[in-house]
Amino acid sequence: MPTILCVDDEPTALAVRKRVLESAGYQVAAERSAEEAIRLFRSEVFDLVILDYWMPNMNGLALAREFKRINPAVPIVIFSALSPLPDETIGVADRWILKDEGPEYLLNALKSLLQAHS
């Protein structure tokens, strides 16, 4: 099963997302800080990354850029409450998902991205 790195500074949101992904059969590594996520991304292999857009110190877009610099082949999903896709995410995030879309939408989007990148 694919391995996903999930990054969010909010512990409750991270725990819920991790539980949803694991219940769908994914292996999930969860990090609450950009710094720890970068360290982990450099040391382990991930099939996909999910990032929260609003995080302290380094927002999800800056973190996505760093991940793409390290390994441009790994698809990145940015999770946000913002409805329009900021122009600055084009070419960095492979998918922009609204937090209120629900778990089914997230799981379908991940399945689609993973199939496209396999």
PDB file of N, CA and C in Angstrom:
ATOM      1  N   MET A   1       0.840  -1.177   0.000  1.00  0.00           N
ATOM      2  CA  MET A   1       0.000   0.000   0.000  1.00  0.00           C
ATOM      3  C   MET A   1       0.890   1.247   0.000  1.00  0.00           C
ATOM      4  N   PRO A   2       0.477   2.301  -0.651  1.00  0.00           N
ATOM      5  CA  PRO A   2       1.269   3.526  -0.699  1.00  0.00           C
ATOM      6  C   PRO A   2       1.493   4.143   0.686  1.00  0.00           C
ATOM      7  N   THR A   3       2.613   4.834   0.802  1.00  0.00           N
ATOM      8  CA  THR A   3       2.963   5.529   2.029  1.00  0.00           C
ATOM      9  C   THR A   3       2.788   7.026   1.816  1.00  0.00           C
ATOM     10  N   ILE A   4       2.087   7.662   2.744  1.00  0.00           N
ATOM     11  CA  ILE A   4       1.758   9.079   2.643  1.00  0.00           C
ATOM     12  C   ILE A   4       2.352   9.831   3.822  1.00  0.00           C
ATOM     13  N   LEU A   5       2.957  10.982   3.525  1.00  0.00           N
ATOM     14  CA  LEU A   5       3.406  11.895   4.569  1.00  0.00           C
ATOM     15  C   LEU A   5       2.348  12.976   4.703  1.00  0.00           C
ATOM     16  N   CYS A   6       1.834  13.141   5.903  1.00  0.00           N
ATOM     17  CA  CYS A   6       0.776  14.116   6.172  1.00  0.00           C
ATOM     18  C   CYS A   6       1.321  15.137   7.160  1.00  0.00           C
ATOM     19  N   VAL A   7       1.243  16.432   6.786  1.00  0.00           N
ATOM     20  CA  VAL A   7       1.815  17.489   7.613  1.00  0.00           C
ATOM     21  C   VAL A   7       0.741  18.526   7.940  1.00  0.00           C
ATOM     22  N   ASP A   8       0.534  18.760   9.233  1.00  0.00           N
ATOM     23  CA  ASP A   8      -0.438  19.749   9.696  1.00  0.00           C
ATOM     24  C   ASP A   8      -0.066  20.127  11.116  1.00  0.00           C
ATOM     25  N   ASP A   9      -0.044  21.409  11.425  1.00  0.00           N
ATOM     26  CA  ASP A   9       0.320  21.855  12.769  1.00  0.00           C
ATOM     27  C   ASP A   9      -0.815  21.674  13.777  1.00  0.00           C
ATOM     28  N   GLU A  10      -2.022  21.407  13.309  1.00  0.00           N
ATOM     29  CA  GLU A  10      -3.156  21.201  14.211  1.00  0.00           C
ATOM     30  C   GLU A  10      -3.273  19.717  14.551  1.00  0.00           C
ATOM     31  N   PRO A  11      -3.016  19.338  15.817  1.00  0.00           N
ATOM     32  CA  PRO A  11      -2.982  17.921  16.181  1.00  0.00           C
ATOM     33  C   PRO A  11      -4.282  17.166  15.921  1.00  0.00           C
ATOM     34  N   THR A  12      -5.430  17.797  16.164  1.00  0.00           N
ATOM     35  CA  THR A  12      -6.706  17.109  15.954  1.00  0.00           C
ATOM     36  C   THR A  12      -6.940  16.837  14.476  1.00  0.00           C
ATOM     37  N   ALA A  13      -6.715  17.839  13.641  1.00  0.00           N
ATOM     38  CA  ALA A  13      -6.894  17.663  12.195  1.00  0.00           C
ATOM     39  C   ALA A  13      -5.944  16.603  11.665  1.00  0.00           C
ATOM     40  N   LEU A  14      -4.713  16.606  12.149  1.00  0.00           N
ATOM     41  CA  LEU A  14      -3.716  15.630  11.711  1.00  0.00           C
ATOM     42  C   LEU A  14      -4.126  14.218  12.125  1.00  0.00           C
ATOM     43  N   ALA A  15      -4.592  14.067  13.357  1.00  0.00           N
ATOM     44  CA  ALA A  15      -5.006  12.750  13.848  1.00  0.00           C
ATOM     45  C   ALA A  15      -6.206  12.212  13.066  1.00  0.00           C
ATOM     46  N   VAL A  16      -7.170  13.068  12.778  1.00  0.00           N
ATOM     47  CA  VAL A  16      -8.353  12.645  12.019  1.00  0.00           C
ATOM     48  C   VAL A  16      -7.956  12.235  10.600  1.00  0.00           C
ATOM     49  N   ARG A  17      -7.151  13.064   9.950  1.00  0.00           N
ATOM     50  CA  ARG A  17      -6.717  12.757   8.587  1.00  0.00           C
ATOM     51  C   ARG A  17      -5.926  11.444   8.550  1.00  0.00           C
ATOM     52  N   LYS A  18      -5.052  11.260   9.537  1.00  0.00           N
ATOM     53  CA  LYS A  18      -4.252  10.026   9.622  1.00  0.00           C
ATOM     54  C   LYS A  18      -5.170   8.809   9.774  1.00  0.00           C
ATOM     55  N   ARG A  19      -6.164   8.928  10.628  1.00  0.00           N
ATOM     56  CA  ARG A  19      -7.102   7.823  10.856  1.00  0.00           C
ATOM     57  C   ARG A  19      -7.886   7.495   9.581  1.00  0.00           C
ATOM     58  N   VAL A  20      -8.346   8.518   8.873  1.00  0.00           N
ATOM     59  CA  VAL A  20      -9.086   8.310   7.626  1.00  0.00           C
ATOM     60  C   VAL A  20      -8.209   7.593   6.604  1.00  0.00           C
ATOM     61  N   LEU A  21      -6.974   8.051   6.456  1.00  0.00           N
ATOM     62  CA  LEU A  21      -6.061   7.452   5.475  1.00  0.00           C
ATOM     63  C   LEU A  21      -5.697   6.016   5.845  1.00  0.00           C
ATOM     64  N   GLU A  22      -5.415   5.780   7.123  1.00  0.00           N
ATOM     65  CA  GLU A  22      -5.076   4.418   7.559  1.00  0.00           C
ATOM     66  C   GLU A  22      -6.266   3.480   7.409  1.00  0.00           C
ATOM     67  N   SER A  23      -7.472   3.966   7.649  1.00  0.00           N
ATOM     68  CA  SER A  23      -8.652   3.111   7.488  1.00  0.00           C
ATOM     69  C   SER A  23      -8.885   2.748   6.025  1.00  0.00           C
ATOM     70  N   ALA A  24      -8.323   3.547   5.121  1.00  0.00           N
ATOM     71  CA  ALA A  24      -8.414   3.243   3.686  1.00  0.00           C
ATOM     72  C   ALA A  24      -7.247   2.365   3.233  1.00  0.00           C
ATOM     73  N   GLY A  25      -6.373   1.994   4.163  1.00  0.00           N
ATOM     74  CA  GLY A  25      -5.294   1.073   3.846  1.00  0.00           C
ATOM     75  C   GLY A  25      -3.936   1.704   3.577  1.00  0.00           C
ATOM     76  N   TYR A  26      -3.831   3.012   3.701  1.00  0.00           N
ATOM     77  CA  TYR A  26      -2.546   3.681   3.471  1.00  0.00           C
ATOM     78  C   TYR A  26      -1.658   3.597   4.703  1.00  0.00           C
ATOM     79  N   GLN A  27      -0.353   3.576   4.475  1.00  0.00           N
ATOM     80  CA  GLN A  27       0.604   3.748   5.566  1.00  0.00           C
ATOM     81  C   GLN A  27       0.825   5.252   5.677  1.00  0.00           C
ATOM     82  N   VAL A  28       0.761   5.778   6.896  1.00  0.00           N
ATOM     83  CA  VAL A  28       0.811   7.225   7.077  1.00  0.00           C
ATOM     84  C   VAL A  28       1.857   7.618   8.109  1.00  0.00           C
ATOM     85  N   ALA A  29       2.690   8.576   7.728  1.00  0.00           N
ATOM     86  CA  ALA A  29       3.597   9.228   8.665  1.00  0.00           C
ATOM     87  C   ALA A  29       3.035  10.630   8.873  1.00  0.00           C
ATOM     88  N   ALA A  30       2.940  11.052  10.119  1.00  0.00           N
ATOM     89  CA  ALA A  30       2.344  12.355  10.431  1.00  0.00           C
ATOM     90  C   ALA A  30       3.364  13.230  11.140  1.00  0.00           C
ATOM     91  N   GLU A  31       3.461  14.476  10.683  1.00  0.00           N
ATOM     92  CA  GLU A  31       4.358  15.454  11.298  1.00  0.00           C
ATOM     93  C   GLU A  31       3.611  16.751  11.533  1.00  0.00           C
ATOM     94  N   ARG A  32       3.979  17.436  12.619  1.00  0.00           N
ATOM     95  CA  ARG A  32       3.321  18.703  12.954  1.00  0.00           C
ATOM     96  C   ARG A  32       4.151  19.921  12.592  1.00  0.00           C
ATOM     97  N   SER A  33       5.395  19.733  12.208  1.00  0.00           N
ATOM     98  CA  SER A  33       6.223  20.888  11.850  1.00  0.00           C
ATOM     99  C   SER A  33       6.879  20.676  10.493  1.00  0.00           C
ATOM    100  N   ALA A  34       7.108  21.772   9.797  1.00  0.00           N
ATOM    101  CA  ALA A  34       7.760  21.710   8.485  1.00  0.00           C
ATOM    102  C   ALA A  34       9.166  21.156   8.613  1.00  0.00           C
ATOM    103  N   GLU A  35       9.876  21.558   9.637  1.00  0.00           N
ATOM    104  CA  GLU A  35      11.256  21.123   9.821  1.00  0.00           C
ATOM    105  C   GLU A  35      11.343  19.599   9.980  1.00  0.00           C
ATOM    106  N   GLU A  36      10.495  19.045  10.823  1.00  0.00           N
ATOM    107  CA  GLU A  36      10.485  17.592  11.024  1.00  0.00           C
ATOM    108  C   GLU A  36      10.029  16.866   9.760  1.00  0.00           C
ATOM    109  N   ALA A  37       9.074  17.453   9.053  1.00  0.00           N
ATOM    110  CA  ALA A  37       8.582  16.848   7.813  1.00  0.00           C
ATOM    111  C   ALA A  37       9.693  16.788   6.766  1.00  0.00           C
ATOM    112  N   ILE A  38      10.481  17.855   6.657  1.00  0.00           N
ATOM    113  CA  ILE A  38      11.598  17.864   5.699  1.00  0.00           C
ATOM    114  C   ILE A  38      12.615  16.791   6.066  1.00  0.00           C
ATOM    115  N   ARG A  39      12.955  16.709   7.346  1.00  0.00           N
ATOM    116  CA  ARG A  39      13.897  15.686   7.809  1.00  0.00           C
ATOM    117  C   ARG A  39      13.405  14.293   7.437  1.00  0.00           C
ATOM    118  N   LEU A  40      12.136  14.023   7.697  1.00  0.00           N
ATOM    119  CA  LEU A  40      11.562  12.717   7.405  1.00  0.00           C
ATOM    120  C   LEU A  40      11.500  12.460   5.904  1.00  0.00           C
ATOM    121  N   PHE A  41      11.135  13.470   5.134  1.00  0.00           N
ATOM    122  CA  PHE A  41      11.031  13.334   3.676  1.00  0.00           C
ATOM    123  C   PHE A  41      12.388  13.006   3.055  1.00  0.00           C
ATOM    124  N   ARG A  42      13.444  13.543   3.633  1.00  0.00           N
ATOM    125  CA  ARG A  42      14.799  13.250   3.133  1.00  0.00           C
ATOM    126  C   ARG A  42      15.252  11.837   3.472  1.00  0.00           C
ATOM    127  N   SER A  43      14.724  11.276   4.560  1.00  0.00           N
ATOM    128  CA  SER A  43      15.225   9.983   5.033  1.00  0.00           C
ATOM    129  C   SER A  43      14.355   8.790   4.658  1.00  0.00           C
ATOM    130  N   GLU A  44      13.121   9.025   4.224  1.00  0.00           N
ATOM    131  CA  GLU A  44      12.220   7.922   3.887  1.00  0.00           C
ATOM    132  C   GLU A  44      11.597   8.154   2.518  1.00  0.00           C
ATOM    133  N   VAL A  45      11.031   7.095   1.967  1.00  0.00           N
ATOM    134  CA  VAL A  45      10.382   7.176   0.657  1.00  0.00           C
ATOM    135  C   VAL A  45       8.875   7.299   0.849  1.00  0.00           C
ATOM    136  N   PHE A  46       8.302   8.313   0.200  1.00  0.00           N
ATOM    137  CA  PHE A  46       6.855   8.521   0.263  1.00  0.00           C
ATOM    138  C   PHE A  46       6.281   8.520  -1.145  1.00  0.00           C
ATOM    139  N   ASP A  47       5.058   8.026  -1.254  1.00  0.00           N
ATOM    140  CA  ASP A  47       4.368   7.991  -2.546  1.00  0.00           C
ATOM    141  C   ASP A  47       3.565   9.252  -2.787  1.00  0.00           C
ATOM    142  N   LEU A  48       3.236   9.974  -1.710  1.00  0.00           N
ATOM    143  CA  LEU A  48       2.409  11.167  -1.823  1.00  0.00           C
ATOM    144  C   LEU A  48       2.550  11.972  -0.534  1.00  0.00           C
ATOM    145  N   VAL A  49       2.373  13.289  -0.633  1.00  0.00           N
ATOM    146  CA  VAL A  49       2.433  14.172   0.530  1.00  0.00           C
ATOM    147  C   VAL A  49       1.160  15.007   0.584  1.00  0.00           C
ATOM    148  N   ILE A  50       0.603  15.141   1.795  1.00  0.00           N
ATOM    149  CA  ILE A  50      -0.543  16.024   2.033  1.00  0.00           C
ATOM    150  C   ILE A  50      -0.085  17.085   3.021  1.00  0.00           C
ATOM    151  N   LEU A  51      -0.265  18.357   2.645  1.00  0.00           N
ATOM    152  CA  LEU A  51       0.173  19.475   3.486  1.00  0.00           C
ATOM    153  C   LEU A  51      -0.979  20.402   3.806  1.00  0.00           C
ATOM    154  N   ASP A  52      -0.980  20.917   5.020  1.00  0.00           N
ATOM    155  CA  ASP A  52      -1.890  22.003   5.356  1.00  0.00           C
ATOM    156  C   ASP A  52      -1.285  23.284   4.798  1.00  0.00           C
ATOM    157  N   TYR A  53      -2.108  24.179   4.279  1.00  0.00           N
ATOM    158  CA  TYR A  53      -1.597  25.422   3.711  1.00  0.00           C
ATOM    159  C   TYR A  53      -1.113  26.380   4.799  1.00  0.00           C
ATOM    160  N   TRP A  54      -1.915  26.590   5.846  1.00  0.00           N
ATOM    161  CA  TRP A  54      -1.560  27.543   6.896  1.00  0.00           C
ATOM    162  C   TRP A  54      -0.848  26.843   8.034  1.00  0.00           C
ATOM    163  N   MET A  55       0.463  27.062   8.121  1.00  0.00           N
ATOM    164  CA  MET A  55       1.268  26.519   9.220  1.00  0.00           C
ATOM    165  C   MET A  55       2.264  27.591   9.645  1.00  0.00           C
ATOM    166  N   PRO A  56       2.676  27.586  10.900  1.00  0.00           N
ATOM    167  CA  PRO A  56       3.658  28.574  11.347  1.00  0.00           C
ATOM    168  C   PRO A  56       5.049  28.285  10.778  1.00  0.00           C
ATOM    169  N   ASN A  57       5.866  29.301  10.713  1.00  0.00           N
ATOM    170  CA  ASN A  57       7.256  29.238  10.251  1.00  0.00           C
ATOM    171  C   ASN A  57       7.396  29.003   8.752  1.00  0.00           C
ATOM    172  N   MET A  58       6.694  28.032   8.208  1.00  0.00           N
ATOM    173  CA  MET A  58       6.767  27.735   6.780  1.00  0.00           C
ATOM    174  C   MET A  58       5.392  27.260   6.335  1.00  0.00           C
ATOM    175  N   ASN A  59       4.734  28.009   5.440  1.00  0.00           N
ATOM    176  CA  ASN A  59       3.403  27.574   5.022  1.00  0.00           C
ATOM    177  C   ASN A  59       3.506  26.369   4.089  1.00  0.00           C
ATOM    178  N   GLY A  60       2.377  25.783   3.790  1.00  0.00           N
ATOM    179  CA  GLY A  60       2.346  24.572   2.973  1.00  0.00           C
ATOM    180  C   GLY A  60       2.930  24.752   1.594  1.00  0.00           C
ATOM    181  N   LEU A  61       2.765  25.919   1.021  1.00  0.00           N
ATOM    182  CA  LEU A  61       3.310  26.166  -0.308  1.00  0.00           C
ATOM    183  C   LEU A  61       4.836  26.189  -0.282  1.00  0.00           C
ATOM    184  N   ALA A  62       5.421  26.855   0.696  1.00  0.00           N
ATOM    185  CA  ALA A  62       6.882  26.876   0.829  1.00  0.00           C
ATOM    186  C   ALA A  62       7.406  25.468   1.092  1.00  0.00           C
ATOM    187  N   LEU A  63       6.696  24.714   1.907  1.00  0.00           N
ATOM    188  CA  LEU A  63       7.093  23.341   2.191  1.00  0.00           C
ATOM    189  C   LEU A  63       6.976  22.474   0.934  1.00  0.00           C
ATOM    190  N   ALA A  64       5.922  22.675   0.168  1.00  0.00           N
ATOM    191  CA  ALA A  64       5.754  21.932  -1.089  1.00  0.00           C
ATOM    192  C   ALA A  64       6.913  22.220  -2.042  1.00  0.00           C
ATOM    193  N   ARG A  65       7.328  23.478  -2.117  1.00  0.00           N
ATOM    194  CA  ARG A  65       8.469  23.834  -2.975  1.00  0.00           C
ATOM    195  C   ARG A  65       9.739  23.096  -2.539  1.00  0.00           C
ATOM    196  N   GLU A  66       9.940  23.009  -1.225  1.00  0.00           N
ATOM    197  CA  GLU A  66      11.124  22.309  -0.710  1.00  0.00           C
ATOM    198  C   GLU A  66      11.051  20.817  -1.034  1.00  0.00           C
ATOM    199  N   PHE A  67       9.869  20.215  -0.867  1.00  0.00           N
ATOM    200  CA  PHE A  67       9.713  18.800  -1.204  1.00  0.00           C
ATOM    201  C   PHE A  67       9.962  18.564  -2.695  1.00  0.00           C
ATOM    202  N   LYS A  68       9.448  19.444  -3.544  1.00  0.00           N
ATOM    203  CA  LYS A  68       9.649  19.301  -4.998  1.00  0.00           C
ATOM    204  C   LYS A  68      11.127  19.464  -5.353  1.00  0.00           C
ATOM    205  N   ARG A  69      11.840  20.301  -4.610  1.00  0.00           N
ATOM    206  CA  ARG A  69      13.274  20.454  -4.842  1.00  0.00           C
ATOM    207  C   ARG A  69      14.004  19.160  -4.490  1.00  0.00           C
ATOM    208  N   ILE A  70      13.593  18.518  -3.401  1.00  0.00           N
ATOM    209  CA  ILE A  70      14.214  17.281  -2.950  1.00  0.00           C
ATOM    210  C   ILE A  70      13.844  16.116  -3.864  1.00  0.00           C
ATOM    211  N   ASN A  71      12.550  15.991  -4.182  1.00  0.00           N
ATOM    212  CA  ASN A  71      12.085  14.895  -5.037  1.00  0.00           C
ATOM    213  C   ASN A  71      10.869  15.356  -5.842  1.00  0.00           C
ATOM    214  N   PRO A  72      11.097  15.851  -7.063  1.00  0.00           N
ATOM    215  CA  PRO A  72       9.989  16.397  -7.857  1.00  0.00           C
ATOM    216  C   PRO A  72       8.953  15.372  -8.312  1.00  0.00           C
ATOM    217  N   ALA A  73       9.257  14.090  -8.187  1.00  0.00           N
ATOM    218  CA  ALA A  73       8.329  13.057  -8.659  1.00  0.00           C
ATOM    219  C   ALA A  73       7.177  12.777  -7.698  1.00  0.00           C
ATOM    220  N   VAL A  74       7.319  13.166  -6.443  1.00  0.00           N
ATOM    221  CA  VAL A  74       6.292  12.854  -5.448  1.00  0.00           C
ATOM    222  C   VAL A  74       5.134  13.854  -5.560  1.00  0.00           C
ATOM    223  N   PRO A  75       3.912  13.355  -5.800  1.00  0.00           N
ATOM    224  CA  PRO A  75       2.758  14.258  -5.875  1.00  0.00           C
ATOM    225  C   PRO A  75       2.450  14.897  -4.521  1.00  0.00           C
ATOM    226  N   ILE A  76       2.024  16.159  -4.594  1.00  0.00           N
ATOM    227  CA  ILE A  76       1.732  16.922  -3.381  1.00  0.00           C
ATOM    228  C   ILE A  76       0.309  17.463  -3.439  1.00  0.00           C
ATOM    229  N   VAL A  77      -0.410  17.237  -2.340  1.00  0.00           N
ATOM    230  CA  VAL A  77      -1.761  17.762  -2.163  1.00  0.00           C
ATOM    231  C   VAL A  77      -1.696  18.815  -1.073  1.00  0.00           C
ATOM    232  N   ILE A  78      -2.242  19.987  -1.350  1.00  0.00           N
ATOM    233  CA  ILE A  78      -2.342  21.019  -0.323  1.00  0.00           C
ATOM    234  C   ILE A  78      -3.791  21.090   0.134  1.00  0.00           C
ATOM    235  N   PHE A  79      -3.951  20.989   1.430  1.00  0.00           N
ATOM    236  CA  PHE A  79      -5.250  21.009   2.089  1.00  0.00           C
ATOM    237  C   PHE A  79      -5.467  22.408   2.639  1.00  0.00           C
ATOM    238  N   SER A  80      -6.591  23.030   2.344  1.00  0.00           N
ATOM    239  CA  SER A  80      -6.805  24.394   2.800  1.00  0.00           C
ATOM    240  C   SER A  80      -8.277  24.729   2.963  1.00  0.00           C
ATOM    241  N   ALA A  81      -8.522  25.773   3.737  1.00  0.00           N
ATOM    242  CA  ALA A  81      -9.875  26.311   3.867  1.00  0.00           C
ATOM    243  C   ALA A  81     -10.127  27.370   2.799  1.00  0.00           C
ATOM    244  N   LEU A  82      -9.074  27.797   2.095  1.00  0.00           N
ATOM    245  CA  LEU A  82      -9.200  28.799   1.032  1.00  0.00           C
ATOM    246  C   LEU A  82      -9.819  28.162  -0.196  1.00  0.00           C
ATOM    247  N   SER A  83     -10.863  28.774  -0.743  1.00  0.00           N
ATOM    248  CA  SER A  83     -11.516  28.166  -1.894  1.00  0.00           C
ATOM    249  C   SER A  83     -10.794  28.382  -3.217  1.00  0.00           C
ATOM    250  N   PRO A  84     -10.298  29.578  -3.532  1.00  0.00           N
ATOM    251  CA  PRO A  84      -9.612  29.680  -4.823  1.00  0.00           C
ATOM    252  C   PRO A  84      -8.184  29.169  -4.726  1.00  0.00           C
ATOM    253  N   LEU A  85      -7.741  28.575  -5.779  1.00  0.00           N
ATOM    254  CA  LEU A  85      -6.371  28.091  -5.855  1.00  0.00           C
ATOM    255  C   LEU A  85      -5.462  29.278  -6.133  1.00  0.00           C
ATOM    256  N   PRO A  86      -4.572  29.626  -5.209  1.00  0.00           N
ATOM    257  CA  PRO A  86      -3.670  30.745  -5.475  1.00  0.00           C
ATOM    258  C   PRO A  86      -2.784  30.446  -6.688  1.00  0.00           C
ATOM    259  N   ASP A  87      -2.581  31.444  -7.526  1.00  0.00           N
ATOM    260  CA  ASP A  87      -1.765  31.262  -8.724  1.00  0.00           C
ATOM    261  C   ASP A  87      -0.378  30.725  -8.402  1.00  0.00           C
ATOM    262  N   GLU A  88       0.134  31.081  -7.238  1.00  0.00           N
ATOM    263  CA  GLU A  88       1.478  30.670  -6.868  1.00  0.00           C
ATOM    264  C   GLU A  88       1.623  29.158  -6.664  1.00  0.00           C
ATOM    265  N   THR A  89       0.518  28.432  -6.570  1.00  0.00           N
ATOM    266  CA  THR A  89       0.604  26.982  -6.385  1.00  0.00           C
ATOM    267  C   THR A  89       0.754  26.227  -7.699  1.00  0.00           C
ATOM    268  N   ILE A  90       0.520  26.895  -8.814  1.00  0.00           N
ATOM    269  CA  ILE A  90       0.611  26.228 -10.119  1.00  0.00           C
ATOM    270  C   ILE A  90       2.038  25.731 -10.340  1.00  0.00           C
ATOM    271  N   GLY A  91       2.156  24.472 -10.639  1.00  0.00           N
ATOM    272  CA  GLY A  91       3.458  23.867 -10.850  1.00  0.00           C
ATOM    273  C   GLY A  91       4.124  23.374  -9.577  1.00  0.00           C
ATOM    274  N   VAL A  92       3.510  23.666  -8.427  1.00  0.00           N
ATOM    275  CA  VAL A  92       4.074  23.211  -7.152  1.00  0.00           C
ATOM    276  C   VAL A  92       3.186  22.130  -6.548  1.00  0.00           C
ATOM    277  N   ALA A  93       1.918  22.445  -6.365  1.00  0.00           N
ATOM    278  CA  ALA A  93       0.972  21.467  -5.822  1.00  0.00           C
ATOM    279  C   ALA A  93       0.305  20.721  -6.973  1.00  0.00           C
ATOM    280  N   ASP A  94       0.186  19.422  -6.800  1.00  0.00           N
ATOM    281  CA  ASP A  94      -0.485  18.616  -7.818  1.00  0.00           C
ATOM    282  C   ASP A  94      -1.992  18.670  -7.655  1.00  0.00           C
ATOM    283  N   ARG A  95      -2.434  18.989  -6.444  1.00  0.00           N
ATOM    284  CA  ARG A  95      -3.867  19.066  -6.174  1.00  0.00           C
ATOM    285  C   ARG A  95      -4.115  19.994  -5.005  1.00  0.00           C
ATOM    286  N   TRP A  96      -5.210  20.735  -5.053  1.00  0.00           N
ATOM    287  CA  TRP A  96      -5.636  21.648  -3.988  1.00  0.00           C
ATOM    288  C   TRP A  96      -6.982  21.150  -3.522  1.00  0.00           C
ATOM    289  N   ILE A  97      -7.089  20.769  -2.252  1.00  0.00           N
ATOM    290  CA  ILE A  97      -8.339  20.213  -1.737  1.00  0.00           C
ATOM    291  C   ILE A  97      -8.827  21.069  -0.579  1.00  0.00           C
ATOM    292  N   LEU A  98     -10.090  21.417  -0.633  1.00  0.00           N
ATOM    293  CA  LEU A  98     -10.695  22.175   0.452  1.00  0.00           C
ATOM    294  C   LEU A  98     -10.961  21.265   1.646  1.00  0.00           C
ATOM    295  N   LYS A  99     -10.746  21.790   2.831  1.00  0.00           N
ATOM    296  CA  LYS A  99     -10.923  20.996   4.055  1.00  0.00           C
ATOM    297  C   LYS A  99     -12.357  20.502   4.221  1.00  0.00           C
ATOM    298  N   ASP A 100     -13.319  21.224   3.667  1.00  0.00           N
ATOM    299  CA  ASP A 100     -14.712  20.801   3.862  1.00  0.00           C
ATOM    300  C   ASP A 100     -15.215  19.849   2.777  1.00  0.00           C
ATOM    301  N   GLU A 101     -14.342  19.389   1.906  1.00  0.00           N
ATOM    302  CA  GLU A 101     -14.742  18.459   0.834  1.00  0.00           C
ATOM    303  C   GLU A 101     -15.176  17.097   1.371  1.00  0.00           C
ATOM    304  N   GLY A 102     -14.621  16.674   2.491  1.00  0.00           N
ATOM    305  CA  GLY A 102     -15.006  15.398   3.082  1.00  0.00           C
ATOM    306  C   GLY A 102     -14.034  14.280   2.738  1.00  0.00           C
ATOM    307  N   PRO A 103     -14.065  13.209   3.537  1.00  0.00           N
ATOM    308  CA  PRO A 103     -13.110  12.117   3.381  1.00  0.00           C
ATOM    309  C   PRO A 103     -13.210  11.366   2.046  1.00  0.00           C
ATOM    310  N   GLU A 104     -14.413  11.169   1.539  1.00  0.00           N
ATOM    311  CA  GLU A 104     -14.564  10.455   0.266  1.00  0.00           C
ATOM    312  C   GLU A 104     -13.881  11.200  -0.872  1.00  0.00           C
ATOM    313  N   TYR A 105     -14.065  12.500  -0.892  1.00  0.00           N
ATOM    314  CA  TYR A 105     -13.438  13.326  -1.925  1.00  0.00           C
ATOM    315  C   TYR A 105     -11.919  13.219  -1.820  1.00  0.00           C
ATOM    316  N   LEU A 106     -11.393  13.323  -0.594  1.00  0.00           N
ATOM    317  CA  LEU A 106      -9.949  13.208  -0.374  1.00  0.00           C
ATOM    318  C   LEU A 106      -9.438  11.864  -0.860  1.00  0.00           C
ATOM    319  N   LEU A 107     -10.087  10.792  -0.467  1.00  0.00           N
ATOM    320  CA  LEU A 107      -9.626   9.452  -0.845  1.00  0.00           C
ATOM    321  C   LEU A 107      -9.684   9.242  -2.356  1.00  0.00           C
ATOM    322  N   ASN A 108     -10.724   9.737  -3.007  1.00  0.00           N
ATOM    323  CA  ASN A 108     -10.810   9.619  -4.468  1.00  0.00           C
ATOM    324  C   ASN A 108      -9.710  10.417  -5.157  1.00  0.00           C
ATOM    325  N   ALA A 109      -9.426  11.617  -4.642  1.00  0.00           N
ATOM    326  CA  ALA A 109      -8.369  12.451  -5.211  1.00  0.00           C
ATOM    327  C   ALA A 109      -7.007  11.767  -5.054  1.00  0.00           C
ATOM    328  N   LEU A 110      -6.755  11.183  -3.893  1.00  0.00           N
ATOM    329  CA  LEU A 110      -5.479  10.497  -3.665  1.00  0.00           C
ATOM    330  C   LEU A 110      -5.327   9.298  -4.585  1.00  0.00           C
ATOM    331  N   LYS A 111      -6.398   8.528  -4.718  1.00  0.00           N
ATOM    332  CA  LYS A 111      -6.350   7.358  -5.592  1.00  0.00           C
ATOM    333  C   LYS A 111      -6.023   7.778  -7.028  1.00  0.00           C
ATOM    334  N   SER A 112      -6.652   8.826  -7.478  1.00  0.00           N
ATOM    335  CA  SER A 112      -6.425   9.340  -8.833  1.00  0.00           C
ATOM    336  C   SER A 112      -4.978   9.806  -9.017  1.00  0.00           C
ATOM    337  N   LEU A 113      -4.468  10.559  -8.066  1.00  0.00           N
ATOM    338  CA  LEU A 113      -3.092  11.054  -8.148  1.00  0.00           C
ATOM    339  C   LEU A 113      -2.085   9.909  -8.114  1.00  0.00           C
ATOM    340  N   LEU A 114      -2.306   8.958  -7.225  1.00  0.00           N
ATOM    341  CA  LEU A 114      -1.378   7.833  -7.124  1.00  0.00           C
ATOM    342  C   LEU A 114      -1.366   6.995  -8.396  1.00  0.00           C
ATOM    343  N   GLN A 115      -2.532   6.802  -9.001  1.00  0.00           N
ATOM    344  CA  GLN A 115      -2.600   6.048 -10.262  1.00  0.00           C
ATOM    345  C   GLN A 115      -1.881   6.802 -11.373  1.00  0.00           C
ATOM    346  N   ALA A 116      -2.026   8.109 -11.414  1.00  0.00           N
ATOM    347  CA  ALA A 116      -1.393   8.924 -12.449  1.00  0.00           C
ATOM    348  C   ALA A 116       0.125   8.952 -12.308  1.00  0.00           C
ATOM    349  N   HIS A 117       0.627   8.775 -11.085  1.00  0.00           N
ATOM    350  CA  HIS A 117       2.071   8.838 -10.840  1.00  0.00           C
ATOM    351  C   HIS A 117       2.731   7.478 -10.682  1.00  0.00           C
ATOM    352  N   SER A 118       2.001   6.417 -10.989  1.00  0.00           N
ATOM    353  CA  SER A 118       2.615   5.079 -10.831  1.00  0.00           C
ATOM    354  C   SER A 118       3.173   4.568 -12.135  1.00  0.00           C
TER     355      SER A 118
END
